[in-house]
Amino acid sequence: MLRLTQAPNLAIATLWADAMAVEGIAASVQRQYLVGVAGELPPDQCLPEVWIQHPAQEAQARTLLHHLQNVPQRRWQCACGELVEGGFEQCWSCGVWMPR
C-alpha cells in the first residue's frame, strides 16, 4: 500500500477515495478515527489519509487527485444580468441553468 495524501477532513478523504474507486483504483481512508485525539497528538498527525492498494497506479491516482483538487471555476453572465462565479451551474438570482 502507498499513502497518496492527507485530506483536510474525513468527508473530503472519503470523496477522494470513492472517486479513485470509480476509476478502478483500489483506495482506502486511514486515520479516520484519530480526529478525536487531536490535542493529545499533534493535529496534523490526526488528519485522515488516502492510501492506494497498488503502487503501480500511483501516477493515475495522482493525476485524478490533481483534477479533484483543481476543479475549474467558471464565470458567466446570466440572461437576467447576474454575474455567476465559481462552480455554480445555476443562477442564484433567477434559477436559470448555465448555458452549455
PDB file of N, CA and C in Angstrom:
ATOM      1  N   MET A   1       0.841  -1.181   0.000  1.00  0.00           N
ATOM      2  CA  MET A   1       0.000   0.000   0.000  1.00  0.00           C
ATOM      3  C   MET A   1       0.882   1.239   0.000  1.00  0.00           C
ATOM      4  N   LEU A   2       0.314   2.329  -0.536  1.00  0.00           N
ATOM      5  CA  LEU A   2       1.058   3.574  -0.668  1.00  0.00           C
ATOM      6  C   LEU A   2       0.179   4.727  -0.217  1.00  0.00           C
ATOM      7  N   ARG A   3       0.725   5.579   0.658  1.00  0.00           N
ATOM      8  CA  ARG A   3      -0.018   6.753   1.099  1.00  0.00           C
ATOM      9  C   ARG A   3      -0.015   7.776  -0.030  1.00  0.00           C
ATOM     10  N   LEU A   4      -1.204   8.165  -0.459  1.00  0.00           N
ATOM     11  CA  LEU A   4      -1.332   9.123  -1.547  1.00  0.00           C
ATOM     12  C   LEU A   4      -1.312  10.554  -1.019  1.00  0.00           C
ATOM     13  N   THR A   5      -2.131  10.826   0.005  1.00  0.00           N
ATOM     14  CA  THR A   5      -2.224  12.191   0.518  1.00  0.00           C
ATOM     15  C   THR A   5      -2.942  12.234   1.855  1.00  0.00           C
ATOM     16  N   GLN A   6      -2.811  13.363   2.542  1.00  0.00           N
ATOM     17  CA  GLN A   6      -3.640  13.670   3.699  1.00  0.00           C
ATOM     18  C   GLN A   6      -4.784  14.534   3.203  1.00  0.00           C
ATOM     19  N   ALA A   7      -5.920  14.419   3.843  1.00  0.00           N
ATOM     20  CA  ALA A   7      -7.083  15.234   3.486  1.00  0.00           C
ATOM     21  C   ALA A   7      -7.399  16.176   4.641  1.00  0.00           C
ATOM     22  N   PRO A   8      -8.026  17.307   4.352  1.00  0.00           N
ATOM     23  CA  PRO A   8      -8.331  18.246   5.429  1.00  0.00           C
ATOM     24  C   PRO A   8      -9.412  17.761   6.395  1.00  0.00           C
ATOM     25  N   ASN A   9     -10.254  16.818   5.933  1.00  0.00           N
ATOM     26  CA  ASN A   9     -11.289  16.267   6.811  1.00  0.00           C
ATOM     27  C   ASN A   9     -11.746  14.919   6.255  1.00  0.00           C
ATOM     28  N   LEU A  10     -12.544  14.224   7.049  1.00  0.00           N
ATOM     29  CA  LEU A  10     -12.990  12.876   6.684  1.00  0.00           C
ATOM     30  C   LEU A  10     -13.896  12.881   5.453  1.00  0.00           C
ATOM     31  N   ALA A  11     -14.748  13.891   5.319  1.00  0.00           N
ATOM     32  CA  ALA A  11     -15.656  13.941   4.170  1.00  0.00           C
ATOM     33  C   ALA A  11     -14.876  14.032   2.861  1.00  0.00           C
ATOM     34  N   ILE A  12     -13.872  14.869   2.819  1.00  0.00           N
ATOM     35  CA  ILE A  12     -13.074  15.023   1.588  1.00  0.00           C
ATOM     36  C   ILE A  12     -12.265  13.757   1.327  1.00  0.00           C
ATOM     37  N   ALA A  13     -11.696  13.167   2.366  1.00  0.00           N
ATOM     38  CA  ALA A  13     -10.931  11.929   2.194  1.00  0.00           C
ATOM     39  C   ALA A  13     -11.812  10.833   1.599  1.00  0.00           C
ATOM     40  N   THR A  14     -13.031  10.716   2.099  1.00  0.00           N
ATOM     41  CA  THR A  14     -13.963   9.706   1.594  1.00  0.00           C
ATOM     42  C   THR A  14     -14.356  10.002   0.151  1.00  0.00           C
ATOM     43  N   LEU A  15     -14.592  11.258  -0.168  1.00  0.00           N
ATOM     44  CA  LEU A  15     -14.914  11.652  -1.540  1.00  0.00           C
ATOM     45  C   LEU A  15     -13.782  11.277  -2.490  1.00  0.00           C
ATOM     46  N   TRP A  16     -12.547  11.578  -2.109  1.00  0.00           N
ATOM     47  CA  TRP A  16     -11.395  11.257  -2.950  1.00  0.00           C
ATOM     48  C   TRP A  16     -11.245   9.742  -3.120  1.00  0.00           C
ATOM     49  N   ALA A  17     -11.380   8.989  -2.032  1.00  0.00           N
ATOM     50  CA  ALA A  17     -11.244   7.532  -2.112  1.00  0.00           C
ATOM     51  C   ALA A  17     -12.341   6.933  -2.992  1.00  0.00           C
ATOM     52  N   ASP A  18     -13.554   7.449  -2.883  1.00  0.00           N
ATOM     53  CA  ASP A  18     -14.658   6.966  -3.722  1.00  0.00           C
ATOM     54  C   ASP A  18     -14.417   7.284  -5.192  1.00  0.00           C
ATOM     55  N   ALA A  19     -13.888   8.476  -5.474  1.00  0.00           N
ATOM     56  CA  ALA A  19     -13.583   8.843  -6.858  1.00  0.00           C
ATOM     57  C   ALA A  19     -12.499   7.929  -7.423  1.00  0.00           C
ATOM     58  N   MET A  20     -11.540   7.542  -6.595  1.00  0.00           N
ATOM     59  CA  MET A  20     -10.498   6.604  -7.031  1.00  0.00           C
ATOM     60  C   MET A  20     -11.130   5.259  -7.391  1.00  0.00           C
ATOM     61  N   ALA A  21     -12.045   4.792  -6.545  1.00  0.00           N
ATOM     62  CA  ALA A  21     -12.698   3.505  -6.800  1.00  0.00           C
ATOM     63  C   ALA A  21     -13.479   3.519  -8.113  1.00  0.00           C
ATOM     64  N   VAL A  22     -14.138   4.630  -8.416  1.00  0.00           N
ATOM     65  CA  VAL A  22     -14.882   4.745  -9.670  1.00  0.00           C
ATOM     66  C   VAL A  22     -13.944   4.591 -10.863  1.00  0.00           C
ATOM     67  N   GLU A  23     -12.718   5.062 -10.732  1.00  0.00           N
ATOM     68  CA  GLU A  23     -11.730   4.968 -11.810  1.00  0.00           C
ATOM     69  C   GLU A  23     -10.944   3.653 -11.789  1.00  0.00           C
ATOM     70  N   GLY A  24     -11.321   2.729 -10.904  1.00  0.00           N
ATOM     71  CA  GLY A  24     -10.668   1.423 -10.859  1.00  0.00           C
ATOM     72  C   GLY A  24      -9.410   1.379 -10.014  1.00  0.00           C
ATOM     73  N   ILE A  25      -9.217   2.379  -9.162  1.00  0.00           N
ATOM     74  CA  ILE A  25      -8.052   2.428  -8.277  1.00  0.00           C
ATOM     75  C   ILE A  25      -8.521   2.022  -6.883  1.00  0.00           C
ATOM     76  N   ALA A  26      -7.985   0.943  -6.368  1.00  0.00           N
ATOM     77  CA  ALA A  26      -8.361   0.488  -5.025  1.00  0.00           C
ATOM     78  C   ALA A  26      -7.750   1.440  -4.002  1.00  0.00           C
ATOM     79  N   ALA A  27      -8.607   2.183  -3.309  1.00  0.00           N
ATOM     80  CA  ALA A  27      -8.152   3.176  -2.332  1.00  0.00           C
ATOM     81  C   ALA A  27      -8.921   3.008  -1.036  1.00  0.00           C
ATOM     82  N   SER A  28      -8.299   3.426   0.051  1.00  0.00           N
ATOM     83  CA  SER A  28      -8.959   3.368   1.351  1.00  0.00           C
ATOM     84  C   SER A  28      -8.596   4.608   2.153  1.00  0.00           C
ATOM     85  N   VAL A  29      -9.427   4.903   3.137  1.00  0.00           N
ATOM     86  CA  VAL A  29      -9.186   6.025   4.038  1.00  0.00           C
ATOM     87  C   VAL A  29      -8.632   5.459   5.332  1.00  0.00           C
ATOM     88  N   GLN A  30      -7.519   6.000   5.763  1.00  0.00           N
ATOM     89  CA  GLN A  30      -6.892   5.588   7.020  1.00  0.00           C
ATOM     90  C   GLN A  30      -6.920   6.774   7.981  1.00  0.00           C
ATOM     91  N   ARG A  31      -6.772   6.501   9.266  1.00  0.00           N
ATOM     92  CA  ARG A  31      -6.763   7.508  10.335  1.00  0.00           C
ATOM     93  C   ARG A  31      -8.103   8.242  10.461  1.00  0.00           C
ATOM     94  N   GLN A  32      -9.181   7.610  10.052  1.00  0.00           N
ATOM     95  CA  GLN A  32     -10.464   8.289  10.102  1.00  0.00           C
ATOM     96  C   GLN A  32     -10.973   8.522  11.518  1.00  0.00           C
ATOM     97  N   TYR A  33     -10.442   7.811  12.495  1.00  0.00           N
ATOM     98  CA  TYR A  33     -10.934   7.950  13.866  1.00  0.00           C
ATOM     99  C   TYR A  33      -9.995   8.741  14.773  1.00  0.00           C
ATOM    100  N   LEU A  34      -8.915   9.264  14.232  1.00  0.00           N
ATOM    101  CA  LEU A  34      -7.947   9.972  15.067  1.00  0.00           C
ATOM    102  C   LEU A  34      -8.333  11.410  15.391  1.00  0.00           C
ATOM    103  N   VAL A  35      -9.333  11.954  14.723  1.00  0.00           N
ATOM    104  CA  VAL A  35      -9.710  13.344  14.973  1.00  0.00           C
ATOM    105  C   VAL A  35     -10.093  13.550  16.443  1.00  0.00           C
ATOM    106  N   GLY A  36     -10.574  12.525  17.084  1.00  0.00           N
ATOM    107  CA  GLY A  36     -10.963  12.627  18.490  1.00  0.00           C
ATOM    108  C   GLY A  36      -9.804  12.797  19.453  1.00  0.00           C
ATOM    109  N   VAL A  37      -8.598  12.480  19.029  1.00  0.00           N
ATOM    110  CA  VAL A  37      -7.444  12.623  19.920  1.00  0.00           C
ATOM    111  C   VAL A  37      -6.576  13.827  19.570  1.00  0.00           C
ATOM    112  N   ALA A  38      -7.058  14.661  18.631  1.00  0.00           N
ATOM    113  CA  ALA A  38      -6.324  15.887  18.314  1.00  0.00           C
ATOM    114  C   ALA A  38      -6.214  16.716  19.582  1.00  0.00           C
ATOM    115  N   GLY A  39      -5.048  17.148  19.876  1.00  0.00           N
ATOM    116  CA  GLY A  39      -4.772  17.843  21.132  1.00  0.00           C
ATOM    117  C   GLY A  39      -3.863  16.986  21.990  1.00  0.00           C
ATOM    118  N   GLU A  40      -4.187  15.708  22.081  1.00  0.00           N
ATOM    119  CA  GLU A  40      -3.297  14.747  22.733  1.00  0.00           C
ATOM    120  C   GLU A  40      -2.126  14.441  21.796  1.00  0.00           C
ATOM    121  N   LEU A  41      -2.442  14.384  20.510  1.00  0.00           N
ATOM    122  CA  LEU A  41      -1.432  14.223  19.456  1.00  0.00           C
ATOM    123  C   LEU A  41      -1.443  15.505  18.622  1.00  0.00           C
ATOM    124  N   PRO A  42      -0.365  15.806  17.923  1.00  0.00           N
ATOM    125  CA  PRO A  42      -0.373  16.991  17.065  1.00  0.00           C
ATOM    126  C   PRO A  42      -1.494  16.895  16.032  1.00  0.00           C
ATOM    127  N   PRO A  43      -2.243  17.986  15.819  1.00  0.00           N
ATOM    128  CA  PRO A  43      -3.388  17.943  14.905  1.00  0.00           C
ATOM    129  C   PRO A  43      -3.039  17.468  13.498  1.00  0.00           C
ATOM    130  N   ASP A  44      -1.861  17.819  12.996  1.00  0.00           N
ATOM    131  CA  ASP A  44      -1.504  17.387  11.645  1.00  0.00           C
ATOM    132  C   ASP A  44      -1.256  15.889  11.559  1.00  0.00           C
ATOM    133  N   GLN A  45      -1.071  15.233  12.694  1.00  0.00           N
ATOM    134  CA  GLN A  45      -0.898  13.782  12.710  1.00  0.00           C
ATOM    135  C   GLN A  45      -2.239  13.052  12.814  1.00  0.00           C
ATOM    136  N   CYS A  46      -3.319  13.807  12.963  1.00  0.00           N
ATOM    137  CA  CYS A  46      -4.649  13.214  13.133  1.00  0.00           C
ATOM    138  C   CYS A  46      -5.528  13.357  11.892  1.00  0.00           C
ATOM    139  N   LEU A  47      -5.005  13.943  10.837  1.00  0.00           N
ATOM    140  CA  LEU A  47      -5.796  14.120   9.624  1.00  0.00           C
ATOM    141  C   LEU A  47      -5.988  12.784   8.910  1.00  0.00           C
ATOM    142  N   PRO A  48      -7.145  12.582   8.289  1.00  0.00           N
ATOM    143  CA  PRO A  48      -7.358  11.337   7.534  1.00  0.00           C
ATOM    144  C   PRO A  48      -6.439  11.283   6.314  1.00  0.00           C
ATOM    145  N   GLU A  49      -6.098  10.079   5.912  1.00  0.00           N
ATOM    146  CA  GLU A  49      -5.207   9.872   4.772  1.00  0.00           C
ATOM    147  C   GLU A  49      -5.868   8.962   3.749  1.00  0.00           C
ATOM    148  N   VAL A  50      -5.528   9.179   2.484  1.00  0.00           N
ATOM    149  CA  VAL A  50      -5.997   8.319   1.409  1.00  0.00           C
ATOM    150  C   VAL A  50      -4.818   7.465   0.968  1.00  0.00           C
ATOM    151  N   TRP A  51      -5.018   6.170   0.988  1.00  0.00           N
ATOM    152  CA  TRP A  51      -3.992   5.210   0.590  1.00  0.00           C
ATOM    153  C   TRP A  51      -4.490   4.429  -0.619  1.00  0.00           C
ATOM    154  N   ILE A  52      -3.564   4.068  -1.506  1.00  0.00           N
ATOM    155  CA  ILE A  52      -3.927   3.210  -2.634  1.00  0.00           C
ATOM    156  C   ILE A  52      -3.286   1.852  -2.431  1.00  0.00           C
ATOM    157  N   GLN A  53      -3.968   0.834  -2.908  1.00  0.00           N
ATOM    158  CA  GLN A  53      -3.519  -0.536  -2.670  1.00  0.00           C
ATOM    159  C   GLN A  53      -2.371  -0.943  -3.590  1.00  0.00           C
ATOM    160  N   HIS A  54      -2.382  -0.467  -4.823  1.00  0.00           N
ATOM    161  CA  HIS A  54      -1.369  -0.883  -5.794  1.00  0.00           C
ATOM    162  C   HIS A  54      -0.471   0.296  -6.169  1.00  0.00           C
ATOM    163  N   PRO A  55       0.773   0.310  -5.718  1.00  0.00           N
ATOM    164  CA  PRO A  55       1.684   1.415  -6.032  1.00  0.00           C
ATOM    165  C   PRO A  55       1.862   1.648  -7.534  1.00  0.00           C
ATOM    166  N   ALA A  56       1.599   0.649  -8.354  1.00  0.00           N
ATOM    167  CA  ALA A  56       1.727   0.820  -9.808  1.00  0.00           C
ATOM    168  C   ALA A  56       0.694   1.813 -10.342  1.00  0.00           C
ATOM    169  N   GLN A  57      -0.371   2.074  -9.591  1.00  0.00           N
ATOM    170  CA  GLN A  57      -1.407   3.008 -10.009  1.00  0.00           C
ATOM    171  C   GLN A  57      -1.179   4.422  -9.466  1.00  0.00           C
ATOM    172  N   GLU A  58       0.008   4.661  -8.908  1.00  0.00           N
ATOM    173  CA  GLU A  58       0.274   5.959  -8.286  1.00  0.00           C
ATOM    174  C   GLU A  58       0.129   7.118  -9.267  1.00  0.00           C
ATOM    175  N   ALA A  59       0.686   7.020 -10.454  1.00  0.00           N
ATOM    176  CA  ALA A  59       0.618   8.124 -11.421  1.00  0.00           C
ATOM    177  C   ALA A  59      -0.832   8.442 -11.776  1.00  0.00           C
ATOM    178  N   GLN A  60      -1.613   7.405 -12.034  1.00  0.00           N
ATOM    179  CA  GLN A  60      -3.029   7.595 -12.363  1.00  0.00           C
ATOM    180  C   GLN A  60      -3.771   8.224 -11.183  1.00  0.00           C
ATOM    181  N   ALA A  61      -3.476   7.764  -9.964  1.00  0.00           N
ATOM    182  CA  ALA A  61      -4.135   8.288  -8.769  1.00  0.00           C
ATOM    183  C   ALA A  61      -3.755   9.745  -8.525  1.00  0.00           C
ATOM    184  N   ARG A  62      -2.505  10.097  -8.715  1.00  0.00           N
ATOM    185  CA  ARG A  62      -2.078  11.489  -8.514  1.00  0.00           C
ATOM    186  C   ARG A  62      -2.695  12.422  -9.555  1.00  0.00           C
ATOM    187  N   THR A  63      -2.830  11.945 -10.775  1.00  0.00           N
ATOM    188  CA  THR A  63      -3.471  12.754 -11.817  1.00  0.00           C
ATOM    189  C   THR A  63      -4.933  13.002 -11.457  1.00  0.00           C
ATOM    190  N   LEU A  64      -5.635  11.956 -11.043  1.00  0.00           N
ATOM    191  CA  LEU A  64      -7.035  12.095 -10.638  1.00  0.00           C
ATOM    192  C   LEU A  64      -7.159  13.029  -9.440  1.00  0.00           C
ATOM    193  N   LEU A  65      -6.285  12.875  -8.454  1.00  0.00           N
ATOM    194  CA  LEU A  65      -6.311  13.731  -7.275  1.00  0.00           C
ATOM    195  C   LEU A  65      -6.100  15.198  -7.668  1.00  0.00           C
ATOM    196  N   HIS A  66      -5.180  15.449  -8.592  1.00  0.00           N
ATOM    197  CA  HIS A  66      -4.940  16.815  -9.060  1.00  0.00           C
ATOM    198  C   HIS A  66      -6.214  17.400  -9.671  1.00  0.00           C
ATOM    199  N   HIS A  67      -6.917  16.615 -10.478  1.00  0.00           N
ATOM    200  CA  HIS A  67      -8.153  17.092 -11.096  1.00  0.00           C
ATOM    201  C   HIS A  67      -9.244  17.336 -10.041  1.00  0.00           C
ATOM    202  N   LEU A  68      -9.289  16.503  -9.023  1.00  0.00           N
ATOM    203  CA  LEU A  68     -10.277  16.687  -7.961  1.00  0.00           C
ATOM    204  C   LEU A  68      -9.987  17.934  -7.133  1.00  0.00           C
ATOM    205  N   GLN A  69      -8.717  18.249  -6.938  1.00  0.00           N
ATOM    206  CA  GLN A  69      -8.330  19.399  -6.128  1.00  0.00           C
ATOM    207  C   GLN A  69      -8.355  20.710  -6.908  1.00  0.00           C
ATOM    208  N   ASN A  70      -8.376  20.643  -8.225  1.00  0.00           N
ATOM    209  CA  ASN A  70      -8.307  21.847  -9.054  1.00  0.00           C
ATOM    210  C   ASN A  70      -9.470  21.894 -10.047  1.00  0.00           C
ATOM    211  N   VAL A  71     -10.669  21.898  -9.526  1.00  0.00           N
ATOM    212  CA  VAL A  71     -11.864  21.970 -10.363  1.00  0.00           C
ATOM    213  C   VAL A  71     -11.908  23.355 -11.008  1.00  0.00           C
ATOM    214  N   PRO A  72     -12.104  23.410 -12.330  1.00  0.00           N
ATOM    215  CA  PRO A  72     -12.133  24.727 -12.972  1.00  0.00           C
ATOM    216  C   PRO A  72     -13.309  25.568 -12.478  1.00  0.00           C
ATOM    217  N   GLN A  73     -13.033  26.825 -12.248  1.00  0.00           N
ATOM    218  CA  GLN A  73     -14.060  27.756 -11.811  1.00  0.00           C
ATOM    219  C   GLN A  73     -14.547  28.546 -13.015  1.00  0.00           C
ATOM    220  N   ARG A  74     -15.841  28.650 -13.143  1.00  0.00           N
ATOM    221  CA  ARG A  74     -16.424  29.344 -14.289  1.00  0.00           C
ATOM    222  C   ARG A  74     -16.935  30.723 -13.887  1.00  0.00           C
ATOM    223  N   ARG A  75     -17.068  31.553 -14.880  1.00  0.00           N
ATOM    224  CA  ARG A  75     -17.651  32.877 -14.698  1.00  0.00           C
ATOM    225  C   ARG A  75     -18.541  33.116 -15.907  1.00  0.00           C
ATOM    226  N   TRP A  76     -19.832  33.302 -15.668  1.00  0.00           N
ATOM    227  CA  TRP A  76     -20.748  33.501 -16.776  1.00  0.00           C
ATOM    228  C   TRP A  76     -21.824  34.519 -16.424  1.00  0.00           C
ATOM    229  N   GLN A  77     -22.307  35.178 -17.462  1.00  0.00           N
ATOM    230  CA  GLN A  77     -23.334  36.200 -17.314  1.00  0.00           C
ATOM    231  C   GLN A  77     -24.695  35.564 -17.610  1.00  0.00           C
ATOM    232  N   CYS A  78     -25.593  35.609 -16.641  1.00  0.00           N
ATOM    233  CA  CYS A  78     -26.934  35.065 -16.812  1.00  0.00           C
ATOM    234  C   CYS A  78     -27.778  36.025 -17.657  1.00  0.00           C
ATOM    235  N   ALA A  79     -28.818  35.499 -18.265  1.00  0.00           N
ATOM    236  CA  ALA A  79     -29.732  36.322 -19.069  1.00  0.00           C
ATOM    237  C   ALA A  79     -30.413  37.398 -18.220  1.00  0.00           C
ATOM    238  N   CYS A  80     -30.536  37.152 -16.907  1.00  0.00           N
ATOM    239  CA  CYS A  80     -31.167  38.144 -16.028  1.00  0.00           C
ATOM    240  C   CYS A  80     -30.211  39.278 -15.661  1.00  0.00           C
ATOM    241  N   GLY A  81     -28.937  39.148 -16.077  1.00  0.00           N
ATOM    242  CA  GLY A  81     -27.946  40.189 -15.791  1.00  0.00           C
ATOM    243  C   GLY A  81     -27.014  39.863 -14.636  1.00  0.00           C
ATOM    244  N   GLU A  82     -27.292  38.822 -13.907  1.00  0.00           N
ATOM    245  CA  GLU A  82     -26.465  38.434 -12.754  1.00  0.00           C
ATOM    246  C   GLU A  82     -25.157  37.810 -13.229  1.00  0.00           C
ATOM    247  N   LEU A  83     -24.046  38.190 -12.605  1.00  0.00           N
ATOM    248  CA  LEU A  83     -22.750  37.578 -12.874  1.00  0.00           C
ATOM    249  C   LEU A  83     -22.592  36.402 -11.919  1.00  0.00           C
ATOM    250  N   VAL A  84     -22.438  35.205 -12.459  1.00  0.00           N
ATOM    251  CA  VAL A  84     -22.338  33.988 -11.657  1.00  0.00           C
ATOM    252  C   VAL A  84     -20.899  33.496 -11.716  1.00  0.00           C
ATOM    253  N   GLU A  85     -20.271  33.348 -10.548  1.00  0.00           N
ATOM    254  CA  GLU A  85     -18.869  32.933 -10.484  1.00  0.00           C
ATOM    255  C   GLU A  85     -18.733  31.642  -9.684  1.00  0.00           C
ATOM    256  N   GLY A  86     -17.601  30.993  -9.864  1.00  0.00           N
ATOM    257  CA  GLY A  86     -17.307  29.785  -9.109  1.00  0.00           C
ATOM    258  C   GLY A  86     -17.809  28.549  -9.821  1.00  0.00           C
ATOM    259  N   GLY A  87     -18.107  27.527  -9.071  1.00  0.00           N
ATOM    260  CA  GLY A  87     -18.547  26.257  -9.633  1.00  0.00           C
ATOM    261  C   GLY A  87     -20.047  26.164  -9.828  1.00  0.00           C
ATOM    262  N   PHE A  88     -20.748  27.281  -9.742  1.00  0.00           N
ATOM    263  CA  PHE A  88     -22.204  27.250  -9.843  1.00  0.00           C
ATOM    264  C   PHE A  88     -22.651  27.065 -11.282  1.00  0.00           C
ATOM    265  N   GLU A  89     -23.590  26.172 -11.484  1.00  0.00           N
ATOM    266  CA  GLU A  89     -24.140  25.922 -12.807  1.00  0.00           C
ATOM    267  C   GLU A  89     -25.563  26.441 -12.924  1.00  0.00           C
ATOM    268  N   GLN A  90     -26.044  27.096 -11.875  1.00  0.00           N
ATOM    269  CA  GLN A  90     -27.389  27.650 -11.872  1.00  0.00           C
ATOM    270  C   GLN A  90     -27.322  29.044 -11.258  1.00  0.00           C
ATOM    271  N   CYS A  91     -28.054  29.975 -11.858  1.00  0.00           N
ATOM    272  CA  CYS A  91     -28.082  31.355 -11.367  1.00  0.00           C
ATOM    273  C   CYS A  91     -28.781  31.410 -10.017  1.00  0.00           C
ATOM    274  N   TRP A  92     -28.180  32.065  -9.043  1.00  0.00           N
ATOM    275  CA  TRP A  92     -28.797  32.138  -7.721  1.00  0.00           C
ATOM    276  C   TRP A  92     -29.848  33.235  -7.678  1.00  0.00           C
ATOM    277  N   SER A  93     -29.918  34.057  -8.696  1.00  0.00           N
ATOM    278  CA  SER A  93     -30.908  35.129  -8.728  1.00  0.00           C
ATOM    279  C   SER A  93     -32.238  34.651  -9.338  1.00  0.00           C
ATOM    280  N   CYS A  94     -32.157  33.974 -10.498  1.00  0.00           N
ATOM    281  CA  CYS A  94     -33.405  33.595 -11.184  1.00  0.00           C
ATOM    282  C   CYS A  94     -33.572  32.089 -11.336  1.00  0.00           C
ATOM    283  N   GLY A  95     -32.526  31.311 -11.063  1.00  0.00           N
ATOM    284  CA  GLY A  95     -32.637  29.851 -11.130  1.00  0.00           C
ATOM    285  C   GLY A  95     -32.392  29.234 -12.490  1.00  0.00           C
ATOM    286  N   VAL A  96     -32.029  30.038 -13.487  1.00  0.00           N
ATOM    287  CA  VAL A  96     -31.771  29.515 -14.828  1.00  0.00           C
ATOM    288  C   VAL A  96     -30.455  28.755 -14.834  1.00  0.00           C
ATOM    289  N   TRP A  97     -30.398  27.645 -15.564  1.00  0.00           N
ATOM    290  CA  TRP A  97     -29.183  26.850 -15.675  1.00  0.00           C
ATOM    291  C   TRP A  97     -28.182  27.518 -16.603  1.00  0.00           C
ATOM    292  N   MET A  98     -26.905  27.298 -16.337  1.00  0.00           N
ATOM    293  CA  MET A  98     -25.829  27.841 -17.154  1.00  0.00           C
ATOM    294  C   MET A  98     -25.956  27.368 -18.595  1.00  0.00           C
ATOM    295  N   PRO A  99     -25.796  28.261 -19.565  1.00  0.00           N
ATOM    296  CA  PRO A  99     -25.859  27.801 -20.963  1.00  0.00           C
ATOM    297  C   PRO A  99     -24.693  26.882 -21.292  1.00  0.00           C
ATOM    298  N   ARG A 100     -24.937  25.912 -22.125  1.00  0.00           N
ATOM    299  CA  ARG A 100     -23.892  24.956 -22.498  1.00  0.00           C
ATOM    300  C   ARG A 100     -23.207  25.366 -23.744  1.00  0.00           C
TER     301      ARG A 100
END
